[in-house]
Amino acid sequence: MPVIILKSRKGLSIEQKRRITKEFTETLVSTTGVKKEIVTIFFEEKELEDIAKGGRLRCDE
Protein backbone atom coordinates (compact mmCIF):
# COMPACT_ATOMS: atom_id res chain seq x y z
CA MET A 1 0.00 0.00 0.00
CA PRO A 2 1.71 3.23 -1.08
CA VAL A 3 1.33 5.99 1.48
CA ILE A 4 2.06 9.68 0.91
CA ILE A 5 2.39 11.93 3.95
CA LEU A 6 2.13 15.62 3.09
CA LYS A 7 3.28 17.91 5.87
CA SER A 8 2.54 21.60 5.51
CA ARG A 9 1.57 24.67 7.41
CA LYS A 10 -2.09 24.93 8.30
CA GLY A 11 -4.35 26.58 5.78
CA LEU A 12 -4.80 24.35 2.74
CA SER A 13 -8.34 24.63 1.45
CA ILE A 14 -10.48 21.56 0.79
CA GLU A 15 -10.23 22.32 -2.94
CA GLN A 16 -6.43 22.38 -2.74
CA LYS A 17 -6.48 19.05 -0.89
CA ARG A 18 -8.78 17.56 -3.54
CA ARG A 19 -6.44 18.69 -6.33
CA ILE A 20 -3.33 17.45 -4.51
CA THR A 21 -5.04 14.10 -3.86
CA LYS A 22 -6.03 13.70 -7.51
CA GLU A 23 -2.69 14.75 -8.97
CA PHE A 24 -0.46 12.87 -6.50
CA THR A 25 -2.53 9.72 -7.00
CA GLU A 26 -2.39 10.02 -10.79
CA THR A 27 1.39 10.52 -10.68
CA LEU A 28 1.94 7.53 -8.40
CA VAL A 29 -0.30 5.31 -10.53
CA SER A 30 1.34 6.32 -13.83
CA THR A 31 4.87 6.05 -12.41
CA THR A 32 4.61 2.81 -10.45
CA GLY A 33 1.59 1.06 -11.96
CA VAL A 34 -0.20 0.56 -8.63
CA LYS A 35 -3.99 0.66 -8.51
CA LYS A 36 -5.35 4.03 -7.42
CA GLU A 37 -7.62 2.35 -4.87
CA ILE A 38 -4.62 1.43 -2.70
CA VAL A 39 -2.98 4.87 -2.66
CA THR A 40 -3.37 6.55 0.73
CA ILE A 41 -2.59 10.21 1.42
CA PHE A 42 -2.31 11.77 4.87
CA PHE A 43 -2.40 15.55 5.30
CA GLU A 44 -0.56 16.75 8.39
CA GLU A 45 -1.06 20.47 8.86
CA LYS A 46 0.77 22.39 11.55
CA GLU A 47 0.43 25.89 12.96
CA LEU A 48 3.42 28.14 12.26
CA GLU A 49 4.24 28.03 15.99
CA ASP A 50 4.80 24.26 15.58
CA ILE A 51 7.37 24.67 12.79
CA ALA A 52 10.95 25.87 13.20
CA LYS A 53 13.53 26.59 10.53
CA GLY A 54 17.04 27.96 10.89
CA GLY A 55 16.80 28.19 14.67
CA ARG A 56 13.61 30.25 14.67
CA LEU A 57 9.92 29.49 14.95
CA ARG A 58 8.13 30.23 11.70
CA CYS A 59 5.60 32.38 13.57
CA ASP A 60 8.47 34.71 14.56
CA GLU A 61 9.57 35.39 10.98
C-alpha atoms as a PDB file:
ATOM      1  CA  MET A   1       0.000   0.000   0.000  1.00  0.00           C
ATOM      2  CA  PRO A   2       1.715   3.229  -1.079  1.00  0.00           C
ATOM      3  CA  VAL A   3       1.331   5.992   1.480  1.00  0.00           C
ATOM      4  CA  ILE A   4       2.058   9.681   0.906  1.00  0.00           C
ATOM      5  CA  ILE A   5       2.388  11.931   3.948  1.00  0.00           C
ATOM      6  CA  LEU A   6       2.127  15.616   3.091  1.00  0.00           C
ATOM      7  CA  LYS A   7       3.284  17.907   5.873  1.00  0.00           C
ATOM      8  CA  SER A   8       2.545  21.600   5.514  1.00  0.00           C
ATOM      9  CA  ARG A   9       1.566  24.668   7.412  1.00  0.00           C
ATOM     10  CA  LYS A  10      -2.087  24.927   8.304  1.00  0.00           C
ATOM     11  CA  GLY A  11      -4.347  26.577   5.779  1.00  0.00           C
ATOM     12  CA  LEU A  12      -4.800  24.346   2.744  1.00  0.00           C
ATOM     13  CA  SER A  13      -8.341  24.629   1.446  1.00  0.00           C
ATOM     14  CA  ILE A  14     -10.482  21.563   0.789  1.00  0.00           C
ATOM     15  CA  GLU A  15     -10.228  22.319  -2.936  1.00  0.00           C
ATOM     16  CA  GLN A  16      -6.431  22.378  -2.737  1.00  0.00           C
ATOM     17  CA  LYS A  17      -6.481  19.051  -0.887  1.00  0.00           C
ATOM     18  CA  ARG A  18      -8.781  17.565  -3.540  1.00  0.00           C
ATOM     19  CA  ARG A  19      -6.442  18.688  -6.327  1.00  0.00           C
ATOM     20  CA  ILE A  20      -3.333  17.445  -4.509  1.00  0.00           C
ATOM     21  CA  THR A  21      -5.040  14.103  -3.858  1.00  0.00           C
ATOM     22  CA  LYS A  22      -6.029  13.703  -7.506  1.00  0.00           C
ATOM     23  CA  GLU A  23      -2.686  14.751  -8.974  1.00  0.00           C
ATOM     24  CA  PHE A  24      -0.461  12.875  -6.495  1.00  0.00           C
ATOM     25  CA  THR A  25      -2.527   9.722  -7.000  1.00  0.00           C
ATOM     26  CA  GLU A  26      -2.388  10.022 -10.789  1.00  0.00           C
ATOM     27  CA  THR A  27       1.386  10.522 -10.684  1.00  0.00           C
ATOM     28  CA  LEU A  28       1.935   7.527  -8.402  1.00  0.00           C
ATOM     29  CA  VAL A  29      -0.298   5.310 -10.534  1.00  0.00           C
ATOM     30  CA  SER A  30       1.341   6.320 -13.829  1.00  0.00           C
ATOM     31  CA  THR A  31       4.870   6.054 -12.407  1.00  0.00           C
ATOM     32  CA  THR A  32       4.614   2.807 -10.451  1.00  0.00           C
ATOM     33  CA  GLY A  33       1.592   1.060 -11.955  1.00  0.00           C
ATOM     34  CA  VAL A  34      -0.197   0.559  -8.630  1.00  0.00           C
ATOM     35  CA  LYS A  35      -3.988   0.663  -8.506  1.00  0.00           C
ATOM     36  CA  LYS A  36      -5.348   4.028  -7.424  1.00  0.00           C
ATOM     37  CA  GLU A  37      -7.615   2.348  -4.865  1.00  0.00           C
ATOM     38  CA  ILE A  38      -4.625   1.430  -2.705  1.00  0.00           C
ATOM     39  CA  VAL A  39      -2.980   4.872  -2.664  1.00  0.00           C
ATOM     40  CA  THR A  40      -3.369   6.553   0.731  1.00  0.00           C
ATOM     41  CA  ILE A  41      -2.588  10.215   1.420  1.00  0.00           C
ATOM     42  CA  PHE A  42      -2.312  11.774   4.868  1.00  0.00           C
ATOM     43  CA  PHE A  43      -2.396  15.549   5.296  1.00  0.00           C
ATOM     44  CA  GLU A  44      -0.561  16.745   8.393  1.00  0.00           C
ATOM     45  CA  GLU A  45      -1.057  20.467   8.858  1.00  0.00           C
ATOM     46  CA  LYS A  46       0.773  22.395  11.547  1.00  0.00           C
ATOM     47  CA  GLU A  47       0.429  25.885  12.958  1.00  0.00           C
ATOM     48  CA  LEU A  48       3.417  28.141  12.261  1.00  0.00           C
ATOM     49  CA  GLU A  49       4.243  28.027  15.988  1.00  0.00           C
ATOM     50  CA  ASP A  50       4.795  24.264  15.583  1.00  0.00           C
ATOM     51  CA  ILE A  51       7.374  24.669  12.794  1.00  0.00           C
ATOM     52  CA  ALA A  52      10.953  25.872  13.200  1.00  0.00           C
ATOM     53  CA  LYS A  53      13.534  26.590  10.533  1.00  0.00           C
ATOM     54  CA  GLY A  54      17.036  27.963  10.887  1.00  0.00           C
ATOM     55  CA  GLY A  55      16.802  28.187  14.666  1.00  0.00           C
ATOM     56  CA  ARG A  56      13.608  30.254  14.669  1.00  0.00           C
ATOM     57  CA  LEU A  57       9.920  29.487  14.946  1.00  0.00           C
ATOM     58  CA  ARG A  58       8.130  30.232  11.696  1.00  0.00           C
ATOM     59  CA  CYS A  59       5.604  32.382  13.569  1.00  0.00           C
ATOM     60  CA  ASP A  60       8.472  34.710  14.557  1.00  0.00           C
ATOM     61  CA  GLU A  61       9.569  35.388  10.981  1.00  0.00           C
END
